[in-house]
């Protein structure tokens, strides 16, 4: 799985165990509208979806942990950062203080990104403003086949190479 997919793609687990990775863009009362990496939008019936793993939860968790470490770091080193006599030059002090505050800033940014991405995906699932006719027009292309009844492809016959 490409690392970029972690940013905005949700993983939908179908009732038959098959997985679909796509960005959730909205829904109707009967279906969820998704957009594939190729830019194709299509509807997946809500009754076919067993579980949804929304994007952003991992980023928010890591961001929260880094923010917590950063706040602890600030709490322990802020007094040292403010003492001018500890440093030989202003550049040393600036470098030290930057190191004290950086983890909290990075953690806060990652936490905000993760929460925003997760909220955007969950809000799109809750959206039922697409009328059923629009969802039908967003049906997958004619060569689209629904996911198979198994999660993995069948094994190759004995003695053949995959």
N, C-alpha and C. Protein backbone atom coordinates (compact mmCIF):
# COMPACT_ATOMS: atom_id res chain seq x y z
N UNK A 1 0.85 -1.17 0.00
CA UNK A 1 0.00 0.00 0.00
C UNK A 1 0.89 1.23 0.00
N UNK A 2 0.66 2.15 -0.90
CA UNK A 2 1.48 3.35 -0.92
C UNK A 2 1.23 4.22 0.30
N UNK A 3 2.27 4.91 0.72
CA UNK A 3 2.16 5.75 1.91
C UNK A 3 1.18 6.90 1.69
N UNK A 4 1.06 7.37 0.46
CA UNK A 4 0.14 8.47 0.16
C UNK A 4 -1.30 8.08 0.47
N UNK A 5 -1.64 6.81 0.30
CA UNK A 5 -3.01 6.36 0.53
C UNK A 5 -3.42 6.55 1.98
N UNK A 6 -2.46 6.58 2.88
CA UNK A 6 -2.79 6.76 4.29
C UNK A 6 -3.36 8.15 4.56
N UNK A 7 -3.12 9.09 3.65
CA UNK A 7 -3.55 10.45 3.88
C UNK A 7 -5.03 10.69 3.80
N UNK A 8 -5.70 10.15 2.78
CA UNK A 8 -7.10 10.50 2.61
C UNK A 8 -7.99 9.33 2.24
N UNK A 9 -7.44 8.16 2.08
CA UNK A 9 -8.25 7.00 1.67
C UNK A 9 -8.74 6.23 2.88
N UNK A 10 -10.01 5.88 2.83
CA UNK A 10 -10.59 5.01 3.85
C UNK A 10 -10.52 3.58 3.34
N UNK A 11 -10.47 2.63 4.25
CA UNK A 11 -10.51 1.22 3.89
C UNK A 11 -11.89 0.70 4.27
N UNK A 12 -12.66 0.29 3.25
CA UNK A 12 -13.99 -0.24 3.47
C UNK A 12 -13.92 -1.76 3.41
N UNK A 13 -14.38 -2.41 4.46
CA UNK A 13 -14.43 -3.88 4.48
C UNK A 13 -15.85 -4.28 4.12
N UNK A 14 -15.95 -5.06 3.04
CA UNK A 14 -17.26 -5.53 2.58
C UNK A 14 -17.71 -6.71 3.43
N UNK A 15 -18.97 -7.01 3.40
CA UNK A 15 -19.52 -8.13 4.18
C UNK A 15 -18.87 -9.45 3.79
N UNK A 16 -18.40 -9.56 2.53
CA UNK A 16 -17.77 -10.80 2.09
C UNK A 16 -16.27 -10.83 2.40
N UNK A 17 -15.75 -9.80 3.05
CA UNK A 17 -14.34 -9.76 3.45
C UNK A 17 -13.43 -9.01 2.49
N UNK A 18 -13.92 -8.65 1.32
CA UNK A 18 -13.10 -7.91 0.36
C UNK A 18 -12.87 -6.49 0.88
N UNK A 19 -11.77 -5.88 0.46
CA UNK A 19 -11.41 -4.54 0.88
C UNK A 19 -11.44 -3.57 -0.29
N UNK A 20 -11.87 -2.36 -0.03
CA UNK A 20 -11.82 -1.28 -1.01
C UNK A 20 -11.15 -0.10 -0.36
N UNK A 21 -10.10 0.45 -1.00
CA UNK A 21 -9.46 1.66 -0.52
C UNK A 21 -9.86 2.80 -1.44
N UNK A 22 -10.50 3.81 -0.89
CA UNK A 22 -10.96 4.94 -1.69
C UNK A 22 -11.27 6.11 -0.76
N UNK A 23 -11.36 7.28 -1.36
CA UNK A 23 -11.74 8.47 -0.61
C UNK A 23 -13.26 8.56 -0.60
N UNK A 24 -13.84 8.71 0.58
CA UNK A 24 -15.30 8.83 0.71
C UNK A 24 -15.66 10.28 0.45
N UNK A 25 -16.55 10.50 -0.53
CA UNK A 25 -16.90 11.87 -0.90
C UNK A 25 -18.33 12.26 -0.52
N UNK A 26 -19.15 11.32 -0.12
CA UNK A 26 -20.53 11.63 0.26
C UNK A 26 -21.36 10.37 0.27
N UNK A 27 -22.65 10.56 0.22
CA UNK A 27 -23.52 9.39 0.22
C UNK A 27 -24.96 9.73 -0.03
N UNK A 28 -25.71 8.68 -0.16
CA UNK A 28 -27.16 8.78 -0.25
C UNK A 28 -27.69 7.89 0.87
N UNK A 29 -28.97 7.85 1.09
CA UNK A 29 -29.48 6.96 2.13
C UNK A 29 -29.15 5.48 1.87
N UNK A 30 -28.95 5.11 0.60
CA UNK A 30 -28.71 3.71 0.27
C UNK A 30 -27.26 3.37 0.00
N UNK A 31 -26.41 4.37 -0.28
CA UNK A 31 -25.04 4.07 -0.72
C UNK A 31 -24.06 5.11 -0.21
N UNK A 32 -22.79 4.73 -0.26
CA UNK A 32 -21.69 5.65 0.04
C UNK A 32 -20.98 5.91 -1.28
N UNK A 33 -20.72 7.18 -1.57
CA UNK A 33 -20.04 7.56 -2.80
C UNK A 33 -18.54 7.64 -2.50
N UNK A 34 -17.74 6.91 -3.28
CA UNK A 34 -16.30 6.90 -3.10
C UNK A 34 -15.62 7.32 -4.39
N UNK A 35 -14.38 7.77 -4.25
CA UNK A 35 -13.57 8.14 -5.40
C UNK A 35 -12.29 7.34 -5.35
N UNK A 36 -12.00 6.62 -6.42
CA UNK A 36 -10.80 5.80 -6.48
C UNK A 36 -9.57 6.66 -6.74
N UNK A 37 -8.37 6.06 -6.64
CA UNK A 37 -7.14 6.78 -6.93
C UNK A 37 -7.11 7.27 -8.36
N UNK A 38 -7.81 6.58 -9.26
CA UNK A 38 -7.86 6.96 -10.66
C UNK A 38 -8.84 8.10 -10.92
N UNK A 39 -9.57 8.54 -9.88
CA UNK A 39 -10.50 9.64 -10.03
C UNK A 39 -11.91 9.22 -10.41
N UNK A 40 -12.20 7.91 -10.44
CA UNK A 40 -13.54 7.42 -10.76
C UNK A 40 -14.41 7.45 -9.51
N UNK A 41 -15.60 8.00 -9.61
CA UNK A 41 -16.54 8.01 -8.50
C UNK A 41 -17.59 6.93 -8.74
N UNK A 42 -17.91 6.19 -7.70
CA UNK A 42 -18.96 5.18 -7.80
C UNK A 42 -19.58 4.95 -6.44
N UNK A 43 -20.73 4.33 -6.46
CA UNK A 43 -21.49 4.10 -5.24
C UNK A 43 -21.27 2.67 -4.75
N UNK A 44 -21.15 2.53 -3.44
CA UNK A 44 -21.10 1.22 -2.80
C UNK A 44 -22.31 1.14 -1.89
N UNK A 45 -23.15 0.13 -2.06
CA UNK A 45 -24.34 0.03 -1.20
C UNK A 45 -23.95 -0.04 0.28
N UNK A 46 -24.65 0.71 1.10
CA UNK A 46 -24.37 0.69 2.55
C UNK A 46 -24.57 -0.71 3.13
N UNK A 47 -25.51 -1.45 2.56
CA UNK A 47 -25.77 -2.81 3.06
C UNK A 47 -24.61 -3.75 2.78
N UNK A 48 -23.71 -3.39 1.85
CA UNK A 48 -22.57 -4.24 1.50
C UNK A 48 -21.35 -3.95 2.38
N UNK A 49 -21.41 -2.88 3.18
CA UNK A 49 -20.25 -2.46 3.97
C UNK A 49 -20.36 -2.99 5.39
N UNK A 50 -19.31 -3.72 5.81
CA UNK A 50 -19.27 -4.27 7.16
C UNK A 50 -18.59 -3.29 8.13
N UNK A 51 -17.49 -2.67 7.67
CA UNK A 51 -16.70 -1.81 8.56
C UNK A 51 -15.95 -0.79 7.72
N UNK A 52 -15.69 0.39 8.30
CA UNK A 52 -14.92 1.42 7.63
C UNK A 52 -13.78 1.86 8.55
N UNK A 53 -12.56 1.81 8.03
CA UNK A 53 -11.40 2.34 8.74
C UNK A 53 -11.09 3.70 8.13
N UNK A 54 -11.46 4.75 8.84
CA UNK A 54 -11.30 6.10 8.32
C UNK A 54 -9.85 6.55 8.42
N UNK A 55 -9.42 7.42 7.49
CA UNK A 55 -8.05 7.93 7.56
C UNK A 55 -7.91 8.95 8.68
N UNK A 56 -6.69 9.16 9.12
CA UNK A 56 -6.40 10.20 10.10
C UNK A 56 -6.26 9.72 11.52
N UNK A 57 -6.80 8.55 11.85
CA UNK A 57 -6.74 8.11 13.25
C UNK A 57 -5.30 7.81 13.69
N UNK A 58 -4.48 7.26 12.81
CA UNK A 58 -3.09 6.97 13.17
C UNK A 58 -2.31 8.27 13.30
N UNK A 59 -2.50 9.20 12.36
CA UNK A 59 -1.81 10.48 12.43
C UNK A 59 -2.19 11.24 13.70
N UNK A 60 -3.47 11.21 14.07
CA UNK A 60 -3.91 11.90 15.28
C UNK A 60 -3.31 11.26 16.53
N UNK A 61 -3.21 9.95 16.55
CA UNK A 61 -2.63 9.25 17.70
C UNK A 61 -1.15 9.58 17.85
N UNK A 62 -0.42 9.51 16.74
CA UNK A 62 1.01 9.83 16.79
C UNK A 62 1.20 11.31 17.13
N UNK A 63 0.39 12.17 16.53
CA UNK A 63 0.48 13.60 16.84
C UNK A 63 0.21 13.89 18.30
N UNK A 64 -0.78 13.21 18.87
CA UNK A 64 -1.07 13.39 20.29
C UNK A 64 0.08 12.95 21.18
N UNK A 65 0.71 11.83 20.81
CA UNK A 65 1.85 11.33 21.60
C UNK A 65 3.04 12.29 21.50
N UNK A 66 3.33 12.77 20.29
CA UNK A 66 4.45 13.71 20.10
C UNK A 66 4.14 15.04 20.80
N UNK A 67 2.89 15.49 20.74
CA UNK A 67 2.51 16.71 21.44
C UNK A 67 2.68 16.53 22.95
N UNK A 68 2.27 15.39 23.48
CA UNK A 68 2.46 15.12 24.91
C UNK A 68 3.92 15.15 25.31
N UNK A 69 4.76 14.51 24.49
CA UNK A 69 6.21 14.56 24.75
C UNK A 69 6.71 15.99 24.67
N UNK A 70 6.25 16.74 23.69
CA UNK A 70 6.69 18.12 23.53
C UNK A 70 6.30 19.00 24.71
N UNK A 71 5.10 18.81 25.21
CA UNK A 71 4.67 19.59 26.38
C UNK A 71 5.50 19.22 27.62
N UNK A 72 5.80 17.94 27.76
CA UNK A 72 6.66 17.50 28.87
C UNK A 72 8.05 18.11 28.70
N UNK A 73 8.54 18.10 27.48
CA UNK A 73 9.85 18.68 27.18
C UNK A 73 9.87 20.17 27.53
N UNK A 74 8.82 20.89 27.18
CA UNK A 74 8.74 22.32 27.51
C UNK A 74 8.71 22.51 29.02
N UNK A 75 7.90 21.70 29.69
CA UNK A 75 7.80 21.82 31.14
C UNK A 75 9.12 21.59 31.86
N UNK A 76 9.93 20.68 31.35
CA UNK A 76 11.19 20.37 32.01
C UNK A 76 12.33 21.30 31.62
N UNK A 77 12.29 21.88 30.42
CA UNK A 77 13.44 22.64 29.94
C UNK A 77 13.19 24.14 29.77
N UNK A 78 11.99 24.61 30.05
CA UNK A 78 11.69 26.03 29.83
C UNK A 78 12.57 26.94 30.70
N UNK A 79 12.80 26.56 31.95
CA UNK A 79 13.66 27.39 32.81
C UNK A 79 15.07 27.49 32.25
N UNK A 80 15.61 26.38 31.74
CA UNK A 80 16.95 26.38 31.17
C UNK A 80 17.00 27.24 29.91
N UNK A 81 15.90 27.21 29.15
CA UNK A 81 15.83 27.98 27.90
C UNK A 81 15.88 29.48 28.19
N UNK A 82 15.35 29.89 29.32
CA UNK A 82 15.26 31.32 29.65
C UNK A 82 16.52 31.86 30.33
N UNK A 83 17.46 30.99 30.72
CA UNK A 83 18.68 31.45 31.41
C UNK A 83 19.73 31.84 30.39
N UNK A 84 20.03 33.13 30.32
CA UNK A 84 21.02 33.62 29.37
C UNK A 84 22.43 33.18 29.73
N UNK A 85 22.73 33.05 31.03
CA UNK A 85 24.11 32.74 31.45
C UNK A 85 24.50 31.29 31.13
N UNK A 86 23.55 30.44 30.82
CA UNK A 86 23.84 29.03 30.51
C UNK A 86 24.50 28.89 29.14
N UNK A 87 24.29 29.85 28.26
CA UNK A 87 24.74 29.74 26.88
C UNK A 87 25.87 30.73 26.61
N UNK A 88 26.79 30.33 25.73
CA UNK A 88 27.90 31.21 25.36
C UNK A 88 27.47 32.25 24.34
N UNK A 89 26.47 31.92 23.52
CA UNK A 89 26.02 32.88 22.51
C UNK A 89 24.50 32.80 22.36
N UNK A 90 23.97 33.83 21.70
CA UNK A 90 22.53 33.86 21.45
C UNK A 90 22.11 32.75 20.50
N UNK A 91 23.01 32.35 19.60
CA UNK A 91 22.70 31.29 18.65
C UNK A 91 22.53 29.95 19.38
N UNK A 92 23.37 29.69 20.37
CA UNK A 92 23.23 28.46 21.15
C UNK A 92 21.90 28.44 21.89
N UNK A 93 21.54 29.57 22.47
CA UNK A 93 20.28 29.65 23.19
C UNK A 93 19.10 29.45 22.24
N UNK A 94 19.17 30.08 21.08
CA UNK A 94 18.09 29.94 20.09
C UNK A 94 17.97 28.49 19.63
N UNK A 95 19.09 27.84 19.41
CA UNK A 95 19.06 26.43 18.99
C UNK A 95 18.48 25.54 20.07
N UNK A 96 18.88 25.77 21.30
CA UNK A 96 18.36 24.97 22.41
C UNK A 96 16.85 25.17 22.57
N UNK A 97 16.41 26.43 22.53
CA UNK A 97 15.00 26.72 22.71
C UNK A 97 14.17 26.19 21.54
N UNK A 98 14.71 26.22 20.34
CA UNK A 98 14.01 25.65 19.19
C UNK A 98 13.81 24.16 19.40
N UNK A 99 14.84 23.49 19.90
CA UNK A 99 14.73 22.06 20.19
C UNK A 99 13.73 21.75 21.29
N UNK A 100 13.57 22.67 22.22
CA UNK A 100 12.61 22.47 23.31
C UNK A 100 11.17 22.54 22.79
N UNK A 101 10.89 23.50 21.90
CA UNK A 101 9.52 23.72 21.44
C UNK A 101 9.14 22.92 20.19
N UNK A 102 10.11 22.46 19.41
CA UNK A 102 9.82 21.79 18.13
C UNK A 102 8.91 20.57 18.26
N UNK A 103 9.15 19.64 19.19
CA UNK A 103 8.27 18.47 19.25
C UNK A 103 6.80 18.84 19.48
N UNK A 104 6.55 19.85 20.31
CA UNK A 104 5.16 20.25 20.58
C UNK A 104 4.52 20.83 19.32
N UNK A 105 5.27 21.62 18.57
CA UNK A 105 4.73 22.23 17.35
C UNK A 105 4.44 21.16 16.30
N UNK A 106 5.38 20.24 16.10
CA UNK A 106 5.18 19.15 15.13
C UNK A 106 4.02 18.26 15.56
N UNK A 107 3.97 17.91 16.83
CA UNK A 107 2.88 17.07 17.34
C UNK A 107 1.53 17.72 17.19
N UNK A 108 1.44 19.01 17.47
CA UNK A 108 0.17 19.72 17.33
C UNK A 108 -0.27 19.74 15.87
N UNK A 109 0.65 20.00 14.96
CA UNK A 109 0.32 19.99 13.54
C UNK A 109 -0.18 18.64 13.07
N UNK A 110 0.49 17.58 13.48
CA UNK A 110 0.07 16.22 13.09
C UNK A 110 -1.27 15.85 13.72
N UNK A 111 -1.49 16.25 14.95
CA UNK A 111 -2.76 15.99 15.62
C UNK A 111 -3.91 16.70 14.90
N UNK A 112 -3.71 17.97 14.55
CA UNK A 112 -4.76 18.72 13.84
C UNK A 112 -5.04 18.10 12.48
N UNK A 113 -3.98 17.74 11.75
CA UNK A 113 -4.16 17.10 10.44
C UNK A 113 -4.95 15.80 10.57
N UNK A 114 -4.58 14.95 11.52
CA UNK A 114 -5.26 13.67 11.70
C UNK A 114 -6.72 13.84 12.09
N UNK A 115 -7.00 14.76 13.01
CA UNK A 115 -8.39 14.99 13.41
C UNK A 115 -9.22 15.55 12.27
N UNK A 116 -8.65 16.47 11.49
CA UNK A 116 -9.37 17.05 10.36
C UNK A 116 -9.67 15.99 9.31
N UNK A 117 -8.67 15.19 8.96
CA UNK A 117 -8.85 14.15 7.95
C UNK A 117 -9.89 13.12 8.40
N UNK A 118 -9.83 12.71 9.65
CA UNK A 118 -10.79 11.74 10.18
C UNK A 118 -12.20 12.32 10.18
N UNK A 119 -12.32 13.57 10.61
CA UNK A 119 -13.64 14.22 10.65
C UNK A 119 -14.22 14.37 9.25
N UNK A 120 -13.39 14.75 8.28
CA UNK A 120 -13.86 14.90 6.90
C UNK A 120 -14.41 13.58 6.37
N UNK A 121 -13.73 12.48 6.65
CA UNK A 121 -14.18 11.17 6.15
C UNK A 121 -15.46 10.71 6.86
N UNK A 122 -15.52 10.86 8.18
CA UNK A 122 -16.72 10.42 8.90
C UNK A 122 -17.91 11.30 8.55
N UNK A 123 -17.68 12.59 8.31
CA UNK A 123 -18.78 13.47 7.89
C UNK A 123 -19.30 13.08 6.52
N UNK A 124 -18.41 12.67 5.63
CA UNK A 124 -18.83 12.26 4.29
C UNK A 124 -19.69 10.99 4.35
N UNK A 125 -19.39 10.08 5.27
CA UNK A 125 -20.21 8.87 5.43
C UNK A 125 -21.58 9.24 5.96
N UNK A 126 -21.63 10.17 6.89
CA UNK A 126 -22.90 10.58 7.48
C UNK A 126 -23.75 11.41 6.51
N UNK A 127 -23.13 11.95 5.46
CA UNK A 127 -23.84 12.76 4.48
C UNK A 127 -24.78 11.87 3.66
N UNK A 128 -26.03 12.21 3.65
CA UNK A 128 -27.01 11.47 2.83
C UNK A 128 -27.71 12.41 1.87
N UNK A 129 -27.03 13.50 1.48
CA UNK A 129 -27.66 14.51 0.65
C UNK A 129 -27.71 14.14 -0.82
N UNK A 130 -26.90 13.15 -1.26
CA UNK A 130 -26.98 12.73 -2.65
C UNK A 130 -28.30 12.02 -2.86
N UNK A 131 -29.12 12.48 -3.79
CA UNK A 131 -30.34 11.71 -4.07
C UNK A 131 -29.98 10.39 -4.75
N UNK A 132 -30.87 9.45 -4.65
CA UNK A 132 -30.61 8.12 -5.21
C UNK A 132 -30.28 8.18 -6.69
N UNK A 133 -30.91 9.10 -7.43
CA UNK A 133 -30.64 9.20 -8.87
C UNK A 133 -29.18 9.59 -9.11
N UNK A 134 -28.65 10.49 -8.31
CA UNK A 134 -27.25 10.89 -8.47
C UNK A 134 -26.34 9.72 -8.17
N UNK A 135 -26.68 8.95 -7.15
CA UNK A 135 -25.85 7.80 -6.81
C UNK A 135 -25.85 6.80 -7.95
N UNK A 136 -26.99 6.63 -8.61
CA UNK A 136 -27.05 5.69 -9.74
C UNK A 136 -26.19 6.17 -10.89
N UNK A 137 -26.14 7.50 -11.13
CA UNK A 137 -25.31 8.03 -12.20
C UNK A 137 -23.84 7.87 -11.88
N UNK A 138 -23.50 7.79 -10.62
CA UNK A 138 -22.11 7.62 -10.23
C UNK A 138 -21.72 6.15 -10.14
N UNK A 139 -22.52 5.29 -10.72
CA UNK A 139 -22.22 3.86 -10.69
C UNK A 139 -20.88 3.60 -11.36
N UNK A 140 -20.22 2.54 -11.01
CA UNK A 140 -18.91 2.25 -11.58
C UNK A 140 -19.01 2.00 -13.09
N UNK A 141 -17.89 2.13 -13.78
CA UNK A 141 -17.92 1.91 -15.22
C UNK A 141 -18.38 0.50 -15.57
N UNK A 142 -18.76 0.31 -16.84
CA UNK A 142 -19.34 -0.96 -17.28
C UNK A 142 -18.47 -2.17 -17.05
N UNK A 143 -17.14 -2.02 -17.06
CA UNK A 143 -16.28 -3.18 -16.86
C UNK A 143 -16.00 -3.46 -15.39
N UNK A 144 -16.60 -2.67 -14.50
CA UNK A 144 -16.40 -2.89 -13.06
C UNK A 144 -17.08 -4.17 -12.62
N UNK A 145 -16.35 -4.96 -11.85
CA UNK A 145 -16.90 -6.16 -11.26
C UNK A 145 -16.91 -5.97 -9.75
N UNK A 146 -17.98 -6.35 -9.08
CA UNK A 146 -17.98 -6.21 -7.62
C UNK A 146 -16.90 -7.10 -7.02
N UNK A 147 -16.47 -6.80 -5.80
CA UNK A 147 -15.44 -7.61 -5.17
C UNK A 147 -15.88 -9.08 -5.09
N UNK A 148 -14.92 -9.98 -5.18
CA UNK A 148 -15.27 -11.40 -5.14
C UNK A 148 -15.75 -11.82 -3.76
N UNK A 149 -16.23 -13.05 -3.66
CA UNK A 149 -16.73 -13.56 -2.39
C UNK A 149 -15.61 -14.01 -1.46
N UNK A 150 -14.38 -13.87 -1.84
CA UNK A 150 -13.26 -14.22 -0.99
C UNK A 150 -12.35 -13.01 -0.87
N UNK A 151 -11.61 -12.94 0.22
CA UNK A 151 -10.75 -11.79 0.45
C UNK A 151 -9.45 -11.91 -0.35
N UNK A 152 -8.98 -13.10 -0.61
CA UNK A 152 -7.75 -13.32 -1.34
C UNK A 152 -8.06 -14.06 -2.63
N UNK A 153 -7.21 -13.90 -3.66
CA UNK A 153 -7.46 -14.64 -4.89
C UNK A 153 -7.29 -16.13 -4.65
N UNK A 154 -7.96 -16.96 -5.45
CA UNK A 154 -7.83 -18.40 -5.25
C UNK A 154 -6.40 -18.84 -5.51
N UNK A 155 -5.94 -19.87 -4.85
CA UNK A 155 -4.56 -20.33 -5.07
C UNK A 155 -4.41 -20.88 -6.48
N UNK A 156 -3.18 -20.78 -7.00
CA UNK A 156 -2.89 -21.33 -8.33
C UNK A 156 -2.93 -22.84 -8.25
N UNK A 157 -3.31 -23.51 -9.36
CA UNK A 157 -3.33 -24.97 -9.34
C UNK A 157 -1.95 -25.52 -9.01
N UNK A 158 -1.93 -26.67 -8.39
CA UNK A 158 -0.69 -27.30 -7.95
C UNK A 158 0.23 -27.50 -9.16
N UNK A 159 1.50 -27.13 -9.01
CA UNK A 159 2.47 -27.34 -10.05
C UNK A 159 2.59 -26.18 -11.02
N UNK A 160 1.79 -25.13 -10.87
CA UNK A 160 1.90 -23.98 -11.76
C UNK A 160 2.45 -22.80 -10.97
N UNK A 161 3.05 -21.89 -11.68
CA UNK A 161 3.57 -20.70 -11.03
C UNK A 161 2.55 -19.58 -11.13
N UNK A 162 2.46 -18.77 -10.09
CA UNK A 162 1.50 -17.67 -10.12
C UNK A 162 1.86 -16.62 -11.14
